[in-house]
Amino acid sequence: MRRRTLTLIALALAACAALALTACGGSSTGDAKASACKARDNIRRQVDVLQNVTTGKPTPAQFKDALSTVNTEYKKFTAAIPKLDSSLTPSFNSGGQQFAANLRTATIAYASAVGKNAPVSRAQGFLTVYATQIGAAYQQTLARVPCD
């Protein structure tokens, strides 16, 4: 009888410990969503930086740095997608793919236009165009991903 009571107590303690560990650790799908949403928010901040370039004060180097950060954060966003709950995957995947296509086009165009030692005034014109394109791409794609 005493042994049975000890066994039940041990099982109850093990169940409580498992429950506590699960509550503290969070879910992998929840962590994936948090990671993807954090990357999306970081992309939004960099898009804001890119669009502020159009005022003429930041340099092409600052534009390049912001664009590089957008690419890095996009990789984090896509890395989280396979770990998402299956109900979220389509919207995250679709938004990510559409944004990637627009980002790739803008990045290639920027590199070919500004990378050819264009005068700063000409480069600034290109920066304005590409910042607008990337901002529009963000609004049409990643901004619509359900992170709330």
N, C-alpha and C. Protein backbone atom coordinates (compact mmCIF):
# COMPACT_ATOMS: atom_id res chain seq x y z
N MET A 1 0.82 -1.19 0.00
CA MET A 1 0.00 0.00 0.00
C MET A 1 0.87 1.26 0.00
N ARG A 2 1.87 1.25 0.87
CA ARG A 2 2.75 2.42 0.95
C ARG A 2 3.52 2.60 -0.36
N ARG A 3 3.93 1.50 -0.95
CA ARG A 3 4.67 1.56 -2.22
C ARG A 3 3.78 2.13 -3.32
N ARG A 4 2.53 1.74 -3.31
CA ARG A 4 1.59 2.22 -4.32
C ARG A 4 1.38 3.73 -4.17
N THR A 5 1.28 4.20 -2.95
CA THR A 5 1.11 5.63 -2.68
C THR A 5 2.32 6.41 -3.17
N LEU A 6 3.51 5.89 -2.88
CA LEU A 6 4.74 6.56 -3.33
C LEU A 6 4.82 6.59 -4.85
N THR A 7 4.39 5.52 -5.50
CA THR A 7 4.39 5.47 -6.96
C THR A 7 3.44 6.52 -7.53
N LEU A 8 2.25 6.64 -6.94
CA LEU A 8 1.28 7.64 -7.39
C LEU A 8 1.80 9.06 -7.18
N ILE A 9 2.45 9.28 -6.06
CA ILE A 9 3.01 10.60 -5.79
C ILE A 9 4.11 10.91 -6.80
N ALA A 10 4.96 9.92 -7.08
CA ALA A 10 6.04 10.11 -8.05
C ALA A 10 5.47 10.42 -9.44
N LEU A 11 4.43 9.71 -9.83
CA LEU A 11 3.80 9.96 -11.13
C LEU A 11 3.17 11.35 -11.18
N ALA A 12 2.53 11.75 -10.10
CA ALA A 12 1.92 13.08 -10.05
C ALA A 12 2.99 14.17 -10.15
N LEU A 13 4.10 13.99 -9.44
CA LEU A 13 5.19 14.95 -9.50
C LEU A 13 5.80 15.00 -10.90
N ALA A 14 5.95 13.85 -11.53
CA ALA A 14 6.50 13.82 -12.90
C ALA A 14 5.56 14.53 -13.86
N ALA A 15 4.26 14.32 -13.70
CA ALA A 15 3.29 14.98 -14.57
C ALA A 15 3.33 16.49 -14.36
N CYS A 16 3.42 16.92 -13.11
CA CYS A 16 3.50 18.37 -12.83
C CYS A 16 4.78 18.97 -13.42
N ALA A 17 5.88 18.25 -13.29
CA ALA A 17 7.15 18.74 -13.84
C ALA A 17 7.06 18.86 -15.36
N ALA A 18 6.48 17.86 -16.00
CA ALA A 18 6.35 17.90 -17.46
C ALA A 18 5.46 19.06 -17.89
N LEU A 19 4.39 19.27 -17.16
CA LEU A 19 3.48 20.37 -17.46
C LEU A 19 4.17 21.72 -17.27
N ALA A 20 4.94 21.84 -16.22
CA ALA A 20 5.66 23.09 -15.96
C ALA A 20 6.69 23.35 -17.05
N LEU A 21 7.40 22.33 -17.48
CA LEU A 21 8.40 22.50 -18.54
C LEU A 21 7.75 22.91 -19.85
N THR A 22 6.62 22.32 -20.15
CA THR A 22 5.90 22.67 -21.37
C THR A 22 5.43 24.12 -21.32
N ALA A 23 4.93 24.54 -20.19
CA ALA A 23 4.45 25.92 -20.06
C ALA A 23 5.58 26.92 -20.17
N CYS A 24 6.73 26.59 -19.62
CA CYS A 24 7.87 27.52 -19.66
C CYS A 24 8.52 27.57 -21.03
N GLY A 25 8.56 26.45 -21.70
CA GLY A 25 9.28 26.38 -22.96
C GLY A 25 8.55 26.99 -24.13
N GLY A 26 7.26 27.11 -24.06
CA GLY A 26 6.51 27.62 -25.20
C GLY A 26 6.42 26.54 -26.28
N SER A 27 5.61 26.79 -27.27
CA SER A 27 5.47 25.81 -28.34
C SER A 27 6.42 26.15 -29.47
N SER A 28 6.84 25.14 -30.17
CA SER A 28 7.76 25.40 -31.29
C SER A 28 7.05 26.19 -32.39
N THR A 29 5.75 25.94 -32.59
CA THR A 29 5.04 26.72 -33.61
C THR A 29 4.86 28.17 -33.15
N GLY A 30 4.63 28.35 -31.85
CA GLY A 30 4.52 29.72 -31.32
C GLY A 30 5.84 30.45 -31.41
N ASP A 31 6.93 29.74 -31.13
CA ASP A 31 8.26 30.34 -31.25
C ASP A 31 8.56 30.70 -32.70
N ALA A 32 8.16 29.83 -33.62
CA ALA A 32 8.39 30.08 -35.05
C ALA A 32 7.62 31.32 -35.50
N LYS A 33 6.37 31.43 -35.04
CA LYS A 33 5.58 32.60 -35.42
C LYS A 33 6.21 33.86 -34.84
N ALA A 34 6.63 33.79 -33.59
CA ALA A 34 7.28 34.96 -32.96
C ALA A 34 8.54 35.35 -33.73
N SER A 35 9.31 34.36 -34.14
CA SER A 35 10.55 34.62 -34.88
C SER A 35 10.24 35.25 -36.24
N ALA A 36 9.28 34.69 -36.94
CA ALA A 36 8.90 35.23 -38.25
C ALA A 36 8.35 36.65 -38.12
N CYS A 37 7.54 36.88 -37.10
CA CYS A 37 6.95 38.20 -36.91
C CYS A 37 8.00 39.22 -36.49
N LYS A 38 8.96 38.79 -35.70
CA LYS A 38 10.05 39.69 -35.32
C LYS A 38 10.85 40.09 -36.56
N ALA A 39 11.14 39.11 -37.41
CA ALA A 39 11.87 39.40 -38.65
C ALA A 39 11.05 40.34 -39.53
N ARG A 40 9.74 40.09 -39.63
CA ARG A 40 8.87 40.96 -40.42
C ARG A 40 8.90 42.39 -39.88
N ASP A 41 8.86 42.54 -38.57
CA ASP A 41 8.90 43.87 -37.97
C ASP A 41 10.25 44.56 -38.23
N ASN A 42 11.33 43.78 -38.19
CA ASN A 42 12.65 44.34 -38.50
C ASN A 42 12.74 44.77 -39.96
N ILE A 43 12.10 44.00 -40.83
CA ILE A 43 12.06 44.37 -42.25
C ILE A 43 11.30 45.69 -42.40
N ARG A 44 10.18 45.81 -41.69
CA ARG A 44 9.40 47.06 -41.76
C ARG A 44 10.25 48.25 -41.35
N ARG A 45 11.02 48.09 -40.27
CA ARG A 45 11.87 49.20 -39.82
C ARG A 45 12.91 49.56 -40.89
N GLN A 46 13.47 48.56 -41.55
CA GLN A 46 14.46 48.83 -42.59
C GLN A 46 13.82 49.44 -43.83
N VAL A 47 12.59 49.04 -44.13
CA VAL A 47 11.85 49.66 -45.24
C VAL A 47 11.65 51.14 -44.93
N ASP A 48 11.35 51.44 -43.66
CA ASP A 48 11.22 52.86 -43.27
C ASP A 48 12.54 53.59 -43.49
N VAL A 49 13.66 52.95 -43.15
CA VAL A 49 14.98 53.55 -43.38
C VAL A 49 15.19 53.79 -44.87
N LEU A 50 14.87 52.78 -45.68
CA LEU A 50 15.02 52.91 -47.13
C LEU A 50 14.19 54.07 -47.67
N GLN A 51 12.98 54.19 -47.17
CA GLN A 51 12.11 55.25 -47.67
C GLN A 51 12.56 56.63 -47.17
N ASN A 52 13.24 56.68 -46.04
CA ASN A 52 13.79 57.95 -45.57
C ASN A 52 14.99 58.38 -46.39
N VAL A 53 15.60 57.44 -47.10
CA VAL A 53 16.71 57.75 -47.99
C VAL A 53 16.25 58.73 -49.07
N THR A 54 14.99 58.66 -49.41
CA THR A 54 14.48 59.49 -50.49
C THR A 54 14.49 60.98 -50.15
N THR A 55 14.70 61.33 -48.88
CA THR A 55 14.79 62.74 -48.52
C THR A 55 16.11 63.34 -48.96
N GLY A 56 17.06 62.50 -49.34
CA GLY A 56 18.33 62.98 -49.84
C GLY A 56 19.42 63.07 -48.81
N LYS A 57 19.10 62.84 -47.54
CA LYS A 57 20.12 62.96 -46.50
C LYS A 57 20.96 61.70 -46.33
N PRO A 58 20.36 60.51 -46.24
CA PRO A 58 21.19 59.32 -46.12
C PRO A 58 21.96 59.06 -47.42
N THR A 59 23.03 58.34 -47.32
CA THR A 59 23.90 58.07 -48.46
C THR A 59 23.54 56.75 -49.13
N PRO A 60 24.05 56.54 -50.33
CA PRO A 60 23.86 55.23 -50.96
C PRO A 60 24.40 54.09 -50.09
N ALA A 61 25.45 54.34 -49.33
CA ALA A 61 25.98 53.30 -48.43
C ALA A 61 24.96 52.94 -47.35
N GLN A 62 24.25 53.93 -46.83
CA GLN A 62 23.21 53.65 -45.84
C GLN A 62 22.06 52.86 -46.46
N PHE A 63 21.76 53.19 -47.71
CA PHE A 63 20.73 52.45 -48.44
C PHE A 63 21.17 50.99 -48.58
N LYS A 64 22.43 50.79 -48.98
CA LYS A 64 22.97 49.44 -49.15
C LYS A 64 22.92 48.66 -47.84
N ASP A 65 23.27 49.31 -46.72
CA ASP A 65 23.23 48.65 -45.42
C ASP A 65 21.81 48.23 -45.05
N ALA A 66 20.85 49.13 -45.28
CA ALA A 66 19.46 48.81 -44.97
C ALA A 66 18.96 47.68 -45.85
N LEU A 67 19.34 47.70 -47.12
CA LEU A 67 18.94 46.65 -48.04
C LEU A 67 19.54 45.30 -47.62
N SER A 68 20.77 45.32 -47.17
CA SER A 68 21.43 44.11 -46.68
C SER A 68 20.70 43.56 -45.45
N THR A 69 20.30 44.45 -44.56
CA THR A 69 19.56 44.02 -43.37
C THR A 69 18.21 43.43 -43.74
N VAL A 70 17.54 44.03 -44.71
CA VAL A 70 16.27 43.48 -45.18
C VAL A 70 16.48 42.05 -45.68
N ASN A 71 17.52 41.83 -46.46
CA ASN A 71 17.81 40.49 -46.97
C ASN A 71 18.09 39.51 -45.83
N THR A 72 18.85 39.93 -44.84
CA THR A 72 19.16 39.07 -43.69
C THR A 72 17.89 38.72 -42.92
N GLU A 73 17.06 39.71 -42.65
CA GLU A 73 15.82 39.47 -41.91
C GLU A 73 14.85 38.61 -42.71
N TYR A 74 14.86 38.79 -44.03
CA TYR A 74 13.99 37.96 -44.87
C TYR A 74 14.39 36.49 -44.74
N LYS A 75 15.68 36.22 -44.67
CA LYS A 75 16.14 34.84 -44.49
C LYS A 75 15.64 34.26 -43.16
N LYS A 76 15.64 35.08 -42.11
CA LYS A 76 15.11 34.63 -40.82
C LYS A 76 13.61 34.35 -40.92
N PHE A 77 12.91 35.22 -41.64
CA PHE A 77 11.46 35.06 -41.84
C PHE A 77 11.18 33.72 -42.52
N THR A 78 11.89 33.45 -43.61
CA THR A 78 11.62 32.21 -44.35
C THR A 78 12.08 30.97 -43.58
N ALA A 79 13.10 31.10 -42.75
CA ALA A 79 13.56 29.95 -41.96
C ALA A 79 12.51 29.50 -40.95
N ALA A 80 11.67 30.41 -40.50
CA ALA A 80 10.64 30.08 -39.52
C ALA A 80 9.40 29.44 -40.15
N ILE A 81 9.19 29.64 -41.42
CA ILE A 81 7.95 29.18 -42.07
C ILE A 81 7.70 27.68 -41.93
N PRO A 82 8.70 26.81 -42.17
CA PRO A 82 8.41 25.37 -42.04
C PRO A 82 8.00 24.93 -40.63
N LYS A 83 8.28 25.74 -39.63
CA LYS A 83 7.97 25.39 -38.25
C LYS A 83 6.62 25.93 -37.80
N LEU A 84 5.95 26.70 -38.65
CA LEU A 84 4.67 27.31 -38.30
C LEU A 84 3.55 26.28 -38.26
N ASP A 85 2.50 26.62 -37.54
CA ASP A 85 1.28 25.85 -37.56
C ASP A 85 0.77 25.81 -39.00
N SER A 86 0.26 24.68 -39.42
CA SER A 86 -0.16 24.51 -40.83
C SER A 86 -1.21 25.53 -41.26
N SER A 87 -1.99 26.06 -40.34
CA SER A 87 -3.00 27.06 -40.72
C SER A 87 -2.37 28.40 -41.07
N LEU A 88 -1.15 28.67 -40.57
CA LEU A 88 -0.48 29.94 -40.85
C LEU A 88 0.46 29.87 -42.05
N THR A 89 0.92 28.68 -42.36
CA THR A 89 1.94 28.52 -43.40
C THR A 89 1.56 29.17 -44.73
N PRO A 90 0.35 28.97 -45.26
CA PRO A 90 0.04 29.56 -46.57
C PRO A 90 0.18 31.08 -46.63
N SER A 91 -0.33 31.79 -45.63
CA SER A 91 -0.25 33.25 -45.68
C SER A 91 1.18 33.75 -45.49
N PHE A 92 1.95 33.10 -44.61
CA PHE A 92 3.34 33.50 -44.42
C PHE A 92 4.15 33.17 -45.68
N ASN A 93 3.91 32.00 -46.23
CA ASN A 93 4.65 31.56 -47.42
C ASN A 93 4.35 32.44 -48.62
N SER A 94 3.08 32.72 -48.85
CA SER A 94 2.68 33.54 -49.98
C SER A 94 3.24 34.95 -49.86
N GLY A 95 3.07 35.55 -48.70
CA GLY A 95 3.59 36.90 -48.48
C GLY A 95 5.10 36.95 -48.65
N GLY A 96 5.77 35.94 -48.13
CA GLY A 96 7.22 35.89 -48.23
C GLY A 96 7.71 35.75 -49.65
N GLN A 97 7.07 34.87 -50.43
CA GLN A 97 7.49 34.66 -51.82
C GLN A 97 7.27 35.90 -52.67
N GLN A 98 6.15 36.55 -52.49
CA GLN A 98 5.86 37.76 -53.27
C GLN A 98 6.83 38.88 -52.91
N PHE A 99 7.12 39.01 -51.61
CA PHE A 99 8.06 40.04 -51.19
C PHE A 99 9.45 39.74 -51.75
N ALA A 100 9.85 38.48 -51.73
CA ALA A 100 11.18 38.09 -52.23
C ALA A 100 11.34 38.44 -53.69
N ALA A 101 10.32 38.19 -54.48
CA ALA A 101 10.41 38.50 -55.91
C ALA A 101 10.62 40.00 -56.12
N ASN A 102 9.86 40.82 -55.41
CA ASN A 102 10.00 42.27 -55.54
C ASN A 102 11.34 42.75 -54.99
N LEU A 103 11.77 42.17 -53.89
CA LEU A 103 13.05 42.56 -53.29
C LEU A 103 14.21 42.20 -54.22
N ARG A 104 14.14 41.02 -54.81
CA ARG A 104 15.19 40.58 -55.74
C ARG A 104 15.29 41.52 -56.93
N THR A 105 14.15 41.89 -57.50
CA THR A 105 14.14 42.81 -58.64
C THR A 105 14.75 44.15 -58.26
N ALA A 106 14.36 44.69 -57.13
CA ALA A 106 14.88 45.99 -56.68
C ALA A 106 16.37 45.91 -56.37
N THR A 107 16.80 44.80 -55.75
CA THR A 107 18.21 44.65 -55.40
C THR A 107 19.09 44.57 -56.64
N ILE A 108 18.65 43.80 -57.63
CA ILE A 108 19.41 43.67 -58.87
C ILE A 108 19.46 45.00 -59.61
N ALA A 109 18.33 45.67 -59.69
CA ALA A 109 18.28 46.96 -60.37
C ALA A 109 19.16 47.99 -59.65
N TYR A 110 19.11 47.99 -58.33
CA TYR A 110 19.95 48.91 -57.56
C TYR A 110 21.43 48.63 -57.81
N ALA A 111 21.81 47.37 -57.76
CA ALA A 111 23.22 47.01 -57.95
C ALA A 111 23.71 47.40 -59.34
N SER A 112 22.88 47.18 -60.34
CA SER A 112 23.32 47.52 -61.69
C SER A 112 23.34 49.03 -61.94
N ALA A 113 22.45 49.76 -61.31
CA ALA A 113 22.39 51.21 -61.54
C ALA A 113 23.42 51.96 -60.71
N VAL A 114 23.50 51.68 -59.44
CA VAL A 114 24.36 52.43 -58.55
C VAL A 114 25.78 51.86 -58.53
N GLY A 115 25.88 50.57 -58.82
CA GLY A 115 27.19 49.93 -58.78
C GLY A 115 28.11 50.32 -59.92
N LYS A 116 27.63 51.10 -60.85
CA LYS A 116 28.43 51.51 -62.01
C LYS A 116 29.02 52.90 -61.84
N ASN A 117 29.32 53.26 -60.60
CA ASN A 117 29.90 54.57 -60.29
C ASN A 117 29.05 55.72 -60.83
N ALA A 118 27.75 55.59 -60.64
CA ALA A 118 26.84 56.65 -61.08
C ALA A 118 27.07 57.88 -60.22
N PRO A 119 26.88 59.07 -60.77
CA PRO A 119 26.99 60.28 -59.96
C PRO A 119 25.97 60.21 -58.81
N VAL A 120 26.29 60.84 -57.71
CA VAL A 120 25.43 60.79 -56.54
C VAL A 120 24.02 61.27 -56.85
N SER A 121 23.89 62.31 -57.65
CA SER A 121 22.56 62.81 -57.98
C SER A 121 21.74 61.76 -58.74
N ARG A 122 22.39 61.05 -59.64
CA ARG A 122 21.70 59.99 -60.39
C ARG A 122 21.39 58.82 -59.46
N ALA A 123 22.35 58.48 -58.61
CA ALA A 123 22.14 57.38 -57.67
C ALA A 123 20.96 57.69 -56.75
N GLN A 124 20.85 58.93 -56.32
CA GLN A 124 19.75 59.31 -55.43
C GLN A 124 18.40 59.09 -56.11
N GLY A 125 18.33 59.36 -57.40
CA GLY A 125 17.10 59.11 -58.13
C GLY A 125 16.74 57.63 -58.16
N PHE A 126 17.75 56.79 -58.37
CA PHE A 126 17.53 55.34 -58.34
C PHE A 126 17.09 54.89 -56.96
N LEU A 127 17.72 55.43 -55.93
CA LEU A 127 17.37 55.04 -54.56
C LEU A 127 15.91 55.34 -54.26
N THR A 128 15.44 56.47 -54.74
CA THR A 128 14.05 56.85 -54.52
C THR A 128 13.12 55.83 -55.17
N VAL A 129 13.42 55.46 -56.40
CA VAL A 129 12.59 54.49 -57.12
C VAL A 129 12.58 53.15 -56.41
N TYR A 130 13.75 52.65 -56.03
CA TYR A 130 13.83 51.32 -55.41
C TYR A 130 13.25 51.31 -54.01
N ALA A 131 13.43 52.39 -53.28
CA ALA A 131 12.83 52.47 -51.94
C ALA A 131 11.31 52.43 -52.05
N THR A 132 10.77 53.12 -53.03
CA THR A 132 9.33 53.12 -53.25
C THR A 132 8.85 51.72 -53.62
N GLN A 133 9.59 51.04 -54.49
CA GLN A 133 9.22 49.68 -54.89
C GLN A 133 9.25 48.72 -53.71
N ILE A 134 10.29 48.80 -52.90
CA ILE A 134 10.41 47.89 -51.76
C ILE A 134 9.33 48.19 -50.73
N GLY A 135 9.05 49.48 -50.51
CA GLY A 135 7.98 49.85 -49.58
C GLY A 135 6.63 49.34 -50.04
N ALA A 136 6.35 49.47 -51.33
CA ALA A 136 5.08 48.98 -51.87
C ALA A 136 5.02 47.46 -51.77
N ALA A 137 6.13 46.81 -52.05
CA ALA A 137 6.17 45.34 -51.95
C ALA A 137 5.89 44.89 -50.52
N TYR A 138 6.46 45.59 -49.55
CA TYR A 138 6.22 45.25 -48.15
C TYR A 138 4.74 45.41 -47.81
N GLN A 139 4.16 46.54 -48.19
CA GLN A 139 2.75 46.81 -47.87
C GLN A 139 1.81 45.79 -48.51
N GLN A 140 2.16 45.33 -49.71
CA GLN A 140 1.29 44.39 -50.43
C GLN A 140 1.49 42.94 -50.00
N THR A 141 2.56 42.67 -49.28
CA THR A 141 2.87 41.27 -48.95
C THR A 141 3.05 41.05 -47.44
N LEU A 142 4.21 41.37 -46.93
CA LEU A 142 4.52 41.04 -45.54
C LEU A 142 3.67 41.80 -44.54
N ALA A 143 3.26 43.01 -44.86
CA ALA A 143 2.40 43.78 -43.93
C ALA A 143 1.09 43.06 -43.70
N ARG A 144 0.68 42.21 -44.61
CA ARG A 144 -0.59 41.49 -44.51
C ARG A 144 -0.46 40.14 -43.80
N VAL A 145 0.75 39.76 -43.45
CA VAL A 145 0.96 38.50 -42.74
C VAL A 145 0.38 38.64 -41.33
N PRO A 146 -0.42 37.66 -40.89
CA PRO A 146 -1.13 37.80 -39.61
C PRO A 146 -0.24 37.58 -38.38
N CYS A 147 0.40 38.65 -37.93
CA CYS A 147 1.28 38.54 -36.76
C CYS A 147 0.59 38.96 -35.47
N ASP A 148 -0.59 39.52 -35.54
CA ASP A 148 -1.25 39.99 -34.33
C ASP A 148 -1.96 38.89 -33.59
